[in-house]
ModelCIF file with pLDDT and N, C-alpha, C, O atoms, coordinates in Angstrom:
data_MODEL
#
_entry.id   MODEL 
#
_entity.id                         1 
_entity.type                       polymer 
_entity.pdbx_number_of_molecules   1 
#
_entity_poly.entity_id                      1 
_entity_poly.type                           'polypeptide(L)' 
_entity_poly.nstd_linkage                   no 
_entity_poly.nstd_monomer                   no 
_entity_poly.pdbx_seq_one_letter_code       KNLTRFKRQFEKEGLLFEVFKGLCKKTKHRATYLTTSIELLLKYKV 
_entity_poly.pdbx_seq_one_letter_code_can   KNLTRFKRQFEKEGLLFEVFKGLCKKTKHRATYLTTSIELLLKYKV 
_entity_poly.pdbx_strand_id                 A 
#
loop_
_entity_poly_seq.entity_id 
_entity_poly_seq.num 
_entity_poly_seq.mon_id 
_entity_poly_seq.hetero 
1 1  LYS n 
1 2  ASN n 
1 3  LEU n 
1 4  THR n 
1 5  ARG n 
1 6  PHE n 
1 7  LYS n 
1 8  ARG n 
1 9  GLN n 
1 10 PHE n 
1 11 GLU n 
1 12 LYS n 
1 13 GLU n 
1 14 GLY n 
1 15 LEU n 
1 16 LEU n 
1 17 PHE n 
1 18 GLU n 
1 19 VAL n 
1 20 PHE n 
1 21 LYS n 
1 22 GLY n 
1 23 LEU n 
1 24 CYS n 
1 25 LYS n 
1 26 LYS n 
1 27 THR n 
1 28 LYS n 
1 29 HIS n 
1 30 ARG n 
1 31 ALA n 
1 32 THR n 
1 33 TYR n 
1 34 LEU n 
1 35 THR n 
1 36 THR n 
1 37 SER n 
1 38 ILE n 
1 39 GLU n 
1 40 LEU n 
1 41 LEU n 
1 42 LEU n 
1 43 LYS n 
1 44 TYR n 
1 45 LYS n 
1 46 VAL n 
#
_struct_asym.id          A 
_struct_asym.entity_id   1 
#
loop_
_ma_qa_metric.id 
_ma_qa_metric.mode 
_ma_qa_metric.name 
_ma_qa_metric.software_group_id 
_ma_qa_metric.type 
1 global pLDDT . pLDDT 
2 local  pLDDT . pLDDT 
#
_ma_qa_metric_global.metric_id      1 
_ma_qa_metric_global.metric_value   95.07 
_ma_qa_metric_global.model_id       1 
_ma_qa_metric_global.ordinal_id     1 
#
loop_
_ma_qa_metric_local.label_asym_id 
_ma_qa_metric_local.label_comp_id 
_ma_qa_metric_local.label_seq_id 
_ma_qa_metric_local.metric_id 
_ma_qa_metric_local.metric_value 
_ma_qa_metric_local.model_id 
_ma_qa_metric_local.ordinal_id 
A LYS 1  2 96.00 1 1  
A ASN 2  2 96.00 1 2  
A LEU 3  2 97.00 1 3  
A THR 4  2 96.00 1 4  
A ARG 5  2 97.00 1 5  
A PHE 6  2 97.00 1 6  
A LYS 7  2 97.00 1 7  
A ARG 8  2 97.00 1 8  
A GLN 9  2 97.00 1 9  
A PHE 10 2 97.00 1 10 
A GLU 11 2 96.00 1 11 
A LYS 12 2 96.00 1 12 
A GLU 13 2 97.00 1 13 
A GLY 14 2 96.00 1 14 
A LEU 15 2 97.00 1 15 
A LEU 16 2 97.00 1 16 
A PHE 17 2 96.00 1 17 
A GLU 18 2 96.00 1 18 
A VAL 19 2 96.00 1 19 
A PHE 20 2 95.00 1 20 
A LYS 21 2 96.00 1 21 
A GLY 22 2 96.00 1 22 
A LEU 23 2 98.00 1 23 
A CYS 24 2 97.00 1 24 
A LYS 25 2 97.00 1 25 
A LYS 26 2 97.00 1 26 
A THR 27 2 97.00 1 27 
A LYS 28 2 97.00 1 28 
A HIS 29 2 98.00 1 29 
A ARG 30 2 98.00 1 30 
A ALA 31 2 97.00 1 31 
A THR 32 2 97.00 1 32 
A TYR 33 2 97.00 1 33 
A LEU 34 2 98.00 1 34 
A THR 35 2 97.00 1 35 
A THR 36 2 98.00 1 36 
A SER 37 2 97.00 1 37 
A ILE 38 2 95.00 1 38 
A GLU 39 2 96.00 1 39 
A LEU 40 2 96.00 1 40 
A LEU 41 2 95.00 1 41 
A LEU 42 2 94.00 1 42 
A LYS 43 2 93.00 1 43 
A TYR 44 2 88.00 1 44 
A LYS 45 2 77.00 1 45 
A VAL 46 2 58.00 1 46 
#
loop_
_atom_site.group_PDB 
_atom_site.id 
_atom_site.type_symbol 
_atom_site.label_atom_id 
_atom_site.label_alt_id 
_atom_site.label_comp_id 
_atom_site.label_asym_id 
_atom_site.label_entity_id 
_atom_site.label_seq_id 
_atom_site.pdbx_PDB_ins_code 
_atom_site.Cartn_x 
_atom_site.Cartn_y 
_atom_site.Cartn_z 
_atom_site.occupancy 
_atom_site.B_iso_or_equiv 
_atom_site.pdbx_formal_charge 
_atom_site.auth_seq_id 
_atom_site.auth_comp_id 
_atom_site.auth_asym_id 
_atom_site.auth_atom_id 
_atom_site.pdbx_PDB_model_num 
ATOM 1   N N  . LYS A 1 1  ? -5.677  -19.666 -6.783 1.00 96.00 ? 1  LYS A N  1 
ATOM 2   C CA . LYS A 1 1  ? -6.145  -20.578 -7.834 1.00 96.00 ? 1  LYS A CA 1 
ATOM 3   C C  . LYS A 1 1  ? -5.887  -22.032 -7.439 1.00 96.00 ? 1  LYS A C  1 
ATOM 4   O O  . LYS A 1 1  ? -6.729  -22.900 -7.669 1.00 96.00 ? 1  LYS A O  1 
ATOM 5   N N  . ASN A 1 2  ? -4.735  -22.291 -6.852 1.00 96.00 ? 2  ASN A N  1 
ATOM 6   C CA . ASN A 1 2  ? -4.426  -23.656 -6.403 1.00 96.00 ? 2  ASN A CA 1 
ATOM 7   C C  . ASN A 1 2  ? -5.341  -24.068 -5.258 1.00 96.00 ? 2  ASN A C  1 
ATOM 8   O O  . ASN A 1 2  ? -5.807  -25.206 -5.210 1.00 96.00 ? 2  ASN A O  1 
ATOM 9   N N  . LEU A 1 3  ? -5.599  -23.141 -4.333 1.00 97.00 ? 3  LEU A N  1 
ATOM 10  C CA . LEU A 1 3  ? -6.464  -23.460 -3.203 1.00 97.00 ? 3  LEU A CA 1 
ATOM 11  C C  . LEU A 1 3  ? -7.867  -23.827 -3.682 1.00 97.00 ? 3  LEU A C  1 
ATOM 12  O O  . LEU A 1 3  ? -8.501  -24.724 -3.127 1.00 97.00 ? 3  LEU A O  1 
ATOM 13  N N  . THR A 1 4  ? -8.346  -23.136 -4.706 1.00 96.00 ? 4  THR A N  1 
ATOM 14  C CA . THR A 1 4  ? -9.667  -23.431 -5.260 1.00 96.00 ? 4  THR A CA 1 
ATOM 15  C C  . THR A 1 4  ? -9.706  -24.846 -5.826 1.00 96.00 ? 4  THR A C  1 
ATOM 16  O O  . THR A 1 4  ? -10.686 -25.567 -5.641 1.00 96.00 ? 4  THR A O  1 
ATOM 17  N N  . ARG A 1 5  ? -8.642  -25.238 -6.512 1.00 97.00 ? 5  ARG A N  1 
ATOM 18  C CA . ARG A 1 5  ? -8.560  -26.609 -7.039 1.00 97.00 ? 5  ARG A CA 1 
ATOM 19  C C  . ARG A 1 5  ? -8.542  -27.633 -5.909 1.00 97.00 ? 5  ARG A C  1 
ATOM 20  O O  . ARG A 1 5  ? -9.257  -28.634 -5.944 1.00 97.00 ? 5  ARG A O  1 
ATOM 21  N N  . PHE A 1 6  ? -7.704  -27.358 -4.899 1.00 97.00 ? 6  PHE A N  1 
ATOM 22  C CA . PHE A 1 6  ? -7.608  -28.279 -3.768 1.00 97.00 ? 6  PHE A CA 1 
ATOM 23  C C  . PHE A 1 6  ? -8.956  -28.390 -3.044 1.00 97.00 ? 6  PHE A C  1 
ATOM 24  O O  . PHE A 1 6  ? -9.375  -29.480 -2.654 1.00 97.00 ? 6  PHE A O  1 
ATOM 25  N N  . LYS A 1 7  ? -9.621  -27.254 -2.873 1.00 97.00 ? 7  LYS A N  1 
ATOM 26  C CA . LYS A 1 7  ? -10.924 -27.226 -2.190 1.00 97.00 ? 7  LYS A CA 1 
ATOM 27  C C  . LYS A 1 7  ? -11.901 -28.153 -2.895 1.00 97.00 ? 7  LYS A C  1 
ATOM 28  O O  . LYS A 1 7  ? -12.567 -28.964 -2.251 1.00 97.00 ? 7  LYS A O  1 
ATOM 29  N N  . ARG A 1 8  ? -11.987 -28.037 -4.196 1.00 97.00 ? 8  ARG A N  1 
ATOM 30  C CA . ARG A 1 8  ? -12.899 -28.876 -4.975 1.00 97.00 ? 8  ARG A CA 1 
ATOM 31  C C  . ARG A 1 8  ? -12.547 -30.363 -4.811 1.00 97.00 ? 8  ARG A C  1 
ATOM 32  O O  . ARG A 1 8  ? -13.434 -31.197 -4.632 1.00 97.00 ? 8  ARG A O  1 
ATOM 33  N N  . GLN A 1 9  ? -11.256 -30.684 -4.874 1.00 97.00 ? 9  GLN A N  1 
ATOM 34  C CA . GLN A 1 9  ? -10.824 -32.079 -4.727 1.00 97.00 ? 9  GLN A CA 1 
ATOM 35  C C  . GLN A 1 9  ? -11.185 -32.622 -3.344 1.00 97.00 ? 9  GLN A C  1 
ATOM 36  O O  . GLN A 1 9  ? -11.718 -33.725 -3.222 1.00 97.00 ? 9  GLN A O  1 
ATOM 37  N N  . PHE A 1 10 ? -10.892 -31.839 -2.305 1.00 97.00 ? 10 PHE A N  1 
ATOM 38  C CA . PHE A 1 10 ? -11.178 -32.289 -0.939 1.00 97.00 ? 10 PHE A CA 1 
ATOM 39  C C  . PHE A 1 10 ? -12.686 -32.406 -0.696 1.00 97.00 ? 10 PHE A C  1 
ATOM 40  O O  . PHE A 1 10 ? -13.125 -33.306 0.021  1.00 97.00 ? 10 PHE A O  1 
ATOM 41  N N  . GLU A 1 11 ? -13.480 -31.513 -1.284 1.00 96.00 ? 11 GLU A N  1 
ATOM 42  C CA . GLU A 1 11 ? -14.931 -31.611 -1.140 1.00 96.00 ? 11 GLU A CA 1 
ATOM 43  C C  . GLU A 1 11 ? -15.451 -32.899 -1.773 1.00 96.00 ? 11 GLU A C  1 
ATOM 44  O O  . GLU A 1 11 ? -16.282 -33.593 -1.187 1.00 96.00 ? 11 GLU A O  1 
ATOM 45  N N  . LYS A 1 12 ? -14.959 -33.214 -2.971 1.00 96.00 ? 12 LYS A N  1 
ATOM 46  C CA . LYS A 1 12 ? -15.382 -34.435 -3.660 1.00 96.00 ? 12 LYS A CA 1 
ATOM 47  C C  . LYS A 1 12 ? -15.026 -35.679 -2.853 1.00 96.00 ? 12 LYS A C  1 
ATOM 48  O O  . LYS A 1 12 ? -15.752 -36.672 -2.883 1.00 96.00 ? 12 LYS A O  1 
ATOM 49  N N  . GLU A 1 13 ? -13.910 -35.623 -2.133 1.00 97.00 ? 13 GLU A N  1 
ATOM 50  C CA . GLU A 1 13 ? -13.463 -36.748 -1.310 1.00 97.00 ? 13 GLU A CA 1 
ATOM 51  C C  . GLU A 1 13 ? -14.114 -36.751 0.071  1.00 97.00 ? 13 GLU A C  1 
ATOM 52  O O  . GLU A 1 13 ? -13.894 -37.672 0.857  1.00 97.00 ? 13 GLU A O  1 
ATOM 53  N N  . GLY A 1 14 ? -14.913 -35.728 0.371  1.00 96.00 ? 14 GLY A N  1 
ATOM 54  C CA . GLY A 1 14 ? -15.574 -35.631 1.673  1.00 96.00 ? 14 GLY A CA 1 
ATOM 55  C C  . GLY A 1 14 ? -14.635 -35.248 2.800  1.00 96.00 ? 14 GLY A C  1 
ATOM 56  O O  . GLY A 1 14 ? -14.903 -35.560 3.960  1.00 96.00 ? 14 GLY A O  1 
ATOM 57  N N  . LEU A 1 15 ? -13.530 -34.573 2.475  1.00 97.00 ? 15 LEU A N  1 
ATOM 58  C CA . LEU A 1 15 ? -12.509 -34.234 3.471  1.00 97.00 ? 15 LEU A CA 1 
ATOM 59  C C  . LEU A 1 15 ? -12.533 -32.776 3.911  1.00 97.00 ? 15 LEU A C  1 
ATOM 60  O O  . LEU A 1 15 ? -11.860 -32.417 4.877  1.00 97.00 ? 15 LEU A O  1 
ATOM 61  N N  . LEU A 1 16 ? -13.294 -31.929 3.223  1.00 97.00 ? 16 LEU A N  1 
ATOM 62  C CA . LEU A 1 16 ? -13.318 -30.497 3.522  1.00 97.00 ? 16 LEU A CA 1 
ATOM 63  C C  . LEU A 1 16 ? -14.754 -30.088 3.805  1.00 97.00 ? 16 LEU A C  1 
ATOM 64  O O  . LEU A 1 16 ? -15.681 -30.536 3.131  1.00 97.00 ? 16 LEU A O  1 
ATOM 65  N N  . PHE A 1 17 ? -14.929 -29.239 4.801  1.00 96.00 ? 17 PHE A N  1 
ATOM 66  C CA . PHE A 1 17 ? -16.264 -28.850 5.241  1.00 96.00 ? 17 PHE A CA 1 
ATOM 67  C C  . PHE A 1 17 ? -16.429 -27.335 5.214  1.00 96.00 ? 17 PHE A C  1 
ATOM 68  O O  . PHE A 1 17 ? -15.508 -26.593 5.558  1.00 96.00 ? 17 PHE A O  1 
ATOM 69  N N  . GLU A 1 18 ? -17.612 -26.886 4.802  1.00 96.00 ? 18 GLU A N  1 
ATOM 70  C CA . GLU A 1 18 ? -17.965 -25.474 4.888  1.00 96.00 ? 18 GLU A CA 1 
ATOM 71  C C  . GLU A 1 18 ? -18.534 -25.251 6.277  1.00 96.00 ? 18 GLU A C  1 
ATOM 72  O O  . GLU A 1 18 ? -19.545 -25.850 6.643  1.00 96.00 ? 18 GLU A O  1 
ATOM 73  N N  . VAL A 1 19 ? -17.891 -24.398 7.043  1.00 96.00 ? 19 VAL A N  1 
ATOM 74  C CA . VAL A 1 19 ? -18.276 -24.182 8.436  1.00 96.00 ? 19 VAL A CA 1 
ATOM 75  C C  . VAL A 1 19 ? -19.389 -23.143 8.510  1.00 96.00 ? 19 VAL A C  1 
ATOM 76  O O  . VAL A 1 19 ? -20.439 -23.395 9.100  1.00 96.00 ? 19 VAL A O  1 
ATOM 77  N N  . PHE A 1 20 ? -19.161 -21.982 7.915  1.00 95.00 ? 20 PHE A N  1 
ATOM 78  C CA . PHE A 1 20 ? -20.176 -20.934 7.878  1.00 95.00 ? 20 PHE A CA 1 
ATOM 79  C C  . PHE A 1 20 ? -19.801 -19.920 6.807  1.00 95.00 ? 20 PHE A C  1 
ATOM 80  O O  . PHE A 1 20 ? -18.674 -19.911 6.312  1.00 95.00 ? 20 PHE A O  1 
ATOM 81  N N  . LYS A 1 21 ? -20.756 -19.068 6.458  1.00 96.00 ? 21 LYS A N  1 
ATOM 82  C CA . LYS A 1 21 ? -20.502 -17.972 5.528  1.00 96.00 ? 21 LYS A CA 1 
ATOM 83  C C  . LYS A 1 21 ? -20.535 -16.683 6.317  1.00 96.00 ? 21 LYS A C  1 
ATOM 84  O O  . LYS A 1 21 ? -21.406 -16.478 7.163  1.00 96.00 ? 21 LYS A O  1 
ATOM 85  N N  . GLY A 1 22 ? -19.580 -15.817 6.035  1.00 96.00 ? 22 GLY A N  1 
ATOM 86  C CA . GLY A 1 22 ? -19.497 -14.547 6.735  1.00 96.00 ? 22 GLY A CA 1 
ATOM 87  C C  . GLY A 1 22 ? -18.509 -13.646 6.029  1.00 96.00 ? 22 GLY A C  1 
ATOM 88  O O  . GLY A 1 22 ? -17.998 -13.990 4.963  1.00 96.00 ? 22 GLY A O  1 
ATOM 89  N N  . LEU A 1 23 ? -18.240 -12.504 6.613  1.00 98.00 ? 23 LEU A N  1 
ATOM 90  C CA . LEU A 1 23 ? -17.277 -11.586 6.020  1.00 98.00 ? 23 LEU A CA 1 
ATOM 91  C C  . LEU A 1 23 ? -15.866 -12.101 6.253  1.00 98.00 ? 23 LEU A C  1 
ATOM 92  O O  . LEU A 1 23 ? -15.481 -12.418 7.378  1.00 98.00 ? 23 LEU A O  1 
ATOM 93  N N  . CYS A 1 24 ? -15.110 -12.178 5.182  1.00 97.00 ? 24 CYS A N  1 
ATOM 94  C CA . CYS A 1 24 ? -13.720 -12.605 5.271  1.00 97.00 ? 24 CYS A CA 1 
ATOM 95  C C  . CYS A 1 24 ? -12.915 -11.549 6.017  1.00 97.00 ? 24 CYS A C  1 
ATOM 96  O O  . CYS A 1 24 ? -13.042 -10.356 5.739  1.00 97.00 ? 24 CYS A O  1 
ATOM 97  N N  . LYS A 1 25 ? -12.098 -11.978 6.950  1.00 97.00 ? 25 LYS A N  1 
ATOM 98  C CA . LYS A 1 25 ? -11.262 -11.048 7.711  1.00 97.00 ? 25 LYS A CA 1 
ATOM 99  C C  . LYS A 1 25 ? -10.220 -10.372 6.829  1.00 97.00 ? 25 LYS A C  1 
ATOM 100 O O  . LYS A 1 25 ? -9.744  -9.285  7.158  1.00 97.00 ? 25 LYS A O  1 
ATOM 101 N N  . LYS A 1 26 ? -9.863  -10.998 5.718  1.00 97.00 ? 26 LYS A N  1 
ATOM 102 C CA . LYS A 1 26 ? -8.835  -10.462 4.820  1.00 97.00 ? 26 LYS A CA 1 
ATOM 103 C C  . LYS A 1 26 ? -9.438  -9.507  3.792  1.00 97.00 ? 26 LYS A C  1 
ATOM 104 O O  . LYS A 1 26 ? -8.951  -8.389  3.623  1.00 97.00 ? 26 LYS A O  1 
ATOM 105 N N  . THR A 1 27 ? -10.502 -9.945  3.099  1.00 97.00 ? 27 THR A N  1 
ATOM 106 C CA . THR A 1 27 ? -11.054 -9.168  1.987  1.00 97.00 ? 27 THR A CA 1 
ATOM 107 C C  . THR A 1 27 ? -12.233 -8.298  2.371  1.00 97.00 ? 27 THR A C  1 
ATOM 108 O O  . THR A 1 27 ? -12.582 -7.368  1.644  1.00 97.00 ? 27 THR A O  1 
ATOM 109 N N  . LYS A 1 28 ? -12.851 -8.590  3.504  1.00 97.00 ? 28 LYS A N  1 
ATOM 110 C CA . LYS A 1 28 ? -14.072 -7.899  3.965  1.00 97.00 ? 28 LYS A CA 1 
ATOM 111 C C  . LYS A 1 28 ? -15.264 -8.161  3.052  1.00 97.00 ? 28 LYS A C  1 
ATOM 112 O O  . LYS A 1 28 ? -16.243 -7.415  3.075  1.00 97.00 ? 28 LYS A O  1 
ATOM 113 N N  . HIS A 1 29 ? -15.185 -9.220  2.248  1.00 98.00 ? 29 HIS A N  1 
ATOM 114 C CA . HIS A 1 29 ? -16.293 -9.632  1.389  1.00 98.00 ? 29 HIS A CA 1 
ATOM 115 C C  . HIS A 1 29 ? -16.887 -10.923 1.937  1.00 98.00 ? 29 HIS A C  1 
ATOM 116 O O  . HIS A 1 29 ? -16.237 -11.646 2.692  1.00 98.00 ? 29 HIS A O  1 
ATOM 117 N N  . ARG A 1 30 ? -18.122 -11.204 1.550  1.00 98.00 ? 30 ARG A N  1 
ATOM 118 C CA . ARG A 1 30 ? -18.779 -12.441 1.976  1.00 98.00 ? 30 ARG A CA 1 
ATOM 119 C C  . ARG A 1 30 ? -18.013 -13.637 1.410  1.00 98.00 ? 30 ARG A C  1 
ATOM 120 O O  . ARG A 1 30 ? -17.676 -13.672 0.227  1.00 98.00 ? 30 ARG A O  1 
ATOM 121 N N  . ALA A 1 31 ? -17.748 -14.606 2.270  1.00 97.00 ? 31 ALA A N  1 
ATOM 122 C CA . ALA A 1 31 ? -16.965 -15.774 1.869  1.00 97.00 ? 31 ALA A CA 1 
ATOM 123 C C  . ALA A 1 31 ? -17.334 -16.958 2.748  1.00 97.00 ? 31 ALA A C  1 
ATOM 124 O O  . ALA A 1 31 ? -18.006 -16.814 3.769  1.00 97.00 ? 31 ALA A O  1 
ATOM 125 N N  . THR A 1 32 ? -16.883 -18.121 2.329  1.00 97.00 ? 32 THR A N  1 
ATOM 126 C CA . THR A 1 32 ? -17.134 -19.347 3.077  1.00 97.00 ? 32 THR A CA 1 
ATOM 127 C C  . THR A 1 32 ? -15.909 -19.707 3.909  1.00 97.00 ? 32 THR A C  1 
ATOM 128 O O  . THR A 1 32 ? -14.793 -19.783 3.394  1.00 97.00 ? 32 THR A O  1 
ATOM 129 N N  . TYR A 1 33 ? -16.133 -19.925 5.192  1.00 97.00 ? 33 TYR A N  1 
ATOM 130 C CA . TYR A 1 33 ? -15.066 -20.370 6.091  1.00 97.00 ? 33 TYR A CA 1 
ATOM 131 C C  . TYR A 1 33 ? -15.002 -21.891 6.034  1.00 97.00 ? 33 TYR A C  1 
ATOM 132 O O  . TYR A 1 33 ? -16.029 -22.567 6.094  1.00 97.00 ? 33 TYR A O  1 
ATOM 133 N N  . LEU A 1 34 ? -13.793 -22.422 5.917  1.00 98.00 ? 34 LEU A N  1 
ATOM 134 C CA . LEU A 1 34 ? -13.557 -23.840 5.662  1.00 98.00 ? 34 LEU A CA 1 
ATOM 135 C C  . LEU A 1 34 ? -12.707 -24.480 6.749  1.00 98.00 ? 34 LEU A C  1 
ATOM 136 O O  . LEU A 1 34 ? -11.974 -23.802 7.468  1.00 98.00 ? 34 LEU A O  1 
ATOM 137 N N  . THR A 1 35 ? -12.820 -25.801 6.853  1.00 97.00 ? 35 THR A N  1 
ATOM 138 C CA . THR A 1 35 ? -11.929 -26.584 7.706  1.00 97.00 ? 35 THR A CA 1 
ATOM 139 C C  . THR A 1 35 ? -11.899 -28.020 7.198  1.00 97.00 ? 35 THR A C  1 
ATOM 140 O O  . THR A 1 35 ? -12.802 -28.452 6.482  1.00 97.00 ? 35 THR A O  1 
ATOM 141 N N  . THR A 1 36 ? -10.866 -28.747 7.569  1.00 98.00 ? 36 THR A N  1 
ATOM 142 C CA . THR A 1 36 ? -10.805 -30.181 7.306  1.00 98.00 ? 36 THR A CA 1 
ATOM 143 C C  . THR A 1 36 ? -10.942 -30.961 8.608  1.00 98.00 ? 36 THR A C  1 
ATOM 144 O O  . THR A 1 36 ? -10.805 -32.184 8.618  1.00 98.00 ? 36 THR A O  1 
ATOM 145 N N  . SER A 1 37 ? -11.208 -30.266 9.693  1.00 97.00 ? 37 SER A N  1 
ATOM 146 C CA . SER A 1 37 ? -11.317 -30.877 11.020 1.00 97.00 ? 37 SER A CA 1 
ATOM 147 C C  . SER A 1 37 ? -12.788 -31.028 11.419 1.00 97.00 ? 37 SER A C  1 
ATOM 148 O O  . SER A 1 37 ? -13.523 -30.043 11.494 1.00 97.00 ? 37 SER A O  1 
ATOM 149 N N  . ILE A 1 38 ? -13.199 -32.249 11.670 1.00 95.00 ? 38 ILE A N  1 
ATOM 150 C CA . ILE A 1 38 ? -14.571 -32.482 12.135 1.00 95.00 ? 38 ILE A CA 1 
ATOM 151 C C  . ILE A 1 38 ? -14.778 -31.825 13.493 1.00 95.00 ? 38 ILE A C  1 
ATOM 152 O O  . ILE A 1 38 ? -15.861 -31.309 13.770 1.00 95.00 ? 38 ILE A O  1 
ATOM 153 N N  . GLU A 1 39 ? -13.748 -31.838 14.347 1.00 96.00 ? 39 GLU A N  1 
ATOM 154 C CA . GLU A 1 39 ? -13.848 -31.224 15.674 1.00 96.00 ? 39 GLU A CA 1 
ATOM 155 C C  . GLU A 1 39 ? -14.127 -29.721 15.561 1.00 96.00 ? 39 GLU A C  1 
ATOM 156 O O  . GLU A 1 39 ? -14.983 -29.186 16.266 1.00 96.00 ? 39 GLU A O  1 
ATOM 157 N N  . LEU A 1 40 ? -13.394 -29.047 14.666 1.00 96.00 ? 40 LEU A N  1 
ATOM 158 C CA . LEU A 1 40 ? -13.630 -27.608 14.493 1.00 96.00 ? 40 LEU A CA 1 
ATOM 159 C C  . LEU A 1 40 ? -14.990 -27.352 13.857 1.00 96.00 ? 40 LEU A C  1 
ATOM 160 O O  . LEU A 1 40 ? -15.660 -26.381 14.207 1.00 96.00 ? 40 LEU A O  1 
ATOM 161 N N  . LEU A 1 41 ? -15.403 -28.201 12.937 1.00 95.00 ? 41 LEU A N  1 
ATOM 162 C CA . LEU A 1 41 ? -16.721 -28.064 12.319 1.00 95.00 ? 41 LEU A CA 1 
ATOM 163 C C  . LEU A 1 41 ? -17.801 -28.135 13.392 1.00 95.00 ? 41 LEU A C  1 
ATOM 164 O O  . LEU A 1 41 ? -18.693 -27.288 13.435 1.00 95.00 ? 41 LEU A O  1 
ATOM 165 N N  . LEU A 1 42 ? -17.724 -29.136 14.251 1.00 94.00 ? 42 LEU A N  1 
ATOM 166 C CA . LEU A 1 42 ? -18.731 -29.295 15.309 1.00 94.00 ? 42 LEU A CA 1 
ATOM 167 C C  . LEU A 1 42 ? -18.691 -28.148 16.302 1.00 94.00 ? 42 LEU A C  1 
ATOM 168 O O  . LEU A 1 42 ? -19.732 -27.725 16.804 1.00 94.00 ? 42 LEU A O  1 
ATOM 169 N N  . LYS A 1 43 ? -17.512 -27.646 16.587 1.00 93.00 ? 43 LYS A N  1 
ATOM 170 C CA . LYS A 1 43 ? -17.360 -26.533 17.528 1.00 93.00 ? 43 LYS A CA 1 
ATOM 171 C C  . LYS A 1 43 ? -18.106 -25.297 17.040 1.00 93.00 ? 43 LYS A C  1 
ATOM 172 O O  . LYS A 1 43 ? -18.755 -24.609 17.827 1.00 93.00 ? 43 LYS A O  1 
ATOM 173 N N  . TYR A 1 44 ? -18.014 -25.013 15.724 1.00 88.00 ? 44 TYR A N  1 
ATOM 174 C CA . TYR A 1 44 ? -18.647 -23.824 15.172 1.00 88.00 ? 44 TYR A CA 1 
ATOM 175 C C  . TYR A 1 44 ? -20.105 -24.043 14.808 1.00 88.00 ? 44 TYR A C  1 
ATOM 176 O O  . TYR A 1 44 ? -20.876 -23.085 14.752 1.00 88.00 ? 44 TYR A O  1 
ATOM 177 N N  . LYS A 1 45 ? -20.496 -25.282 14.559 1.00 77.00 ? 45 LYS A N  1 
ATOM 178 C CA . LYS A 1 45 ? -21.879 -25.578 14.151 1.00 77.00 ? 45 LYS A CA 1 
ATOM 179 C C  . LYS A 1 45 ? -22.822 -25.680 15.335 1.00 77.00 ? 45 LYS A C  1 
ATOM 180 O O  . LYS A 1 45 ? -24.033 -25.536 15.165 1.00 77.00 ? 45 LYS A O  1 
ATOM 181 N N  . VAL A 1 46 ? -22.299 -25.926 16.532 1.00 58.00 ? 46 VAL A N  1 
ATOM 182 C CA . VAL A 1 46 ? -23.154 -26.129 17.712 1.00 58.00 ? 46 VAL A CA 1 
ATOM 183 C C  . VAL A 1 46 ? -23.707 -24.853 18.237 1.00 58.00 ? 46 VAL A C  1 
ATOM 184 O O  . VAL A 1 46 ? -24.442 -24.859 19.224 1.00 58.00 ? 46 VAL A O  1 
#
């Protein structure tokens, strides 16, 4: 619940990025993979 709040705050501030959507390694359900690193975002988006 706290992570969801933080995610929303960081998104509004332009500090958090959605990298891709895929199956979560923990839950095995479709989920969004996140990062706050532009370098990691570019690595996965290329």
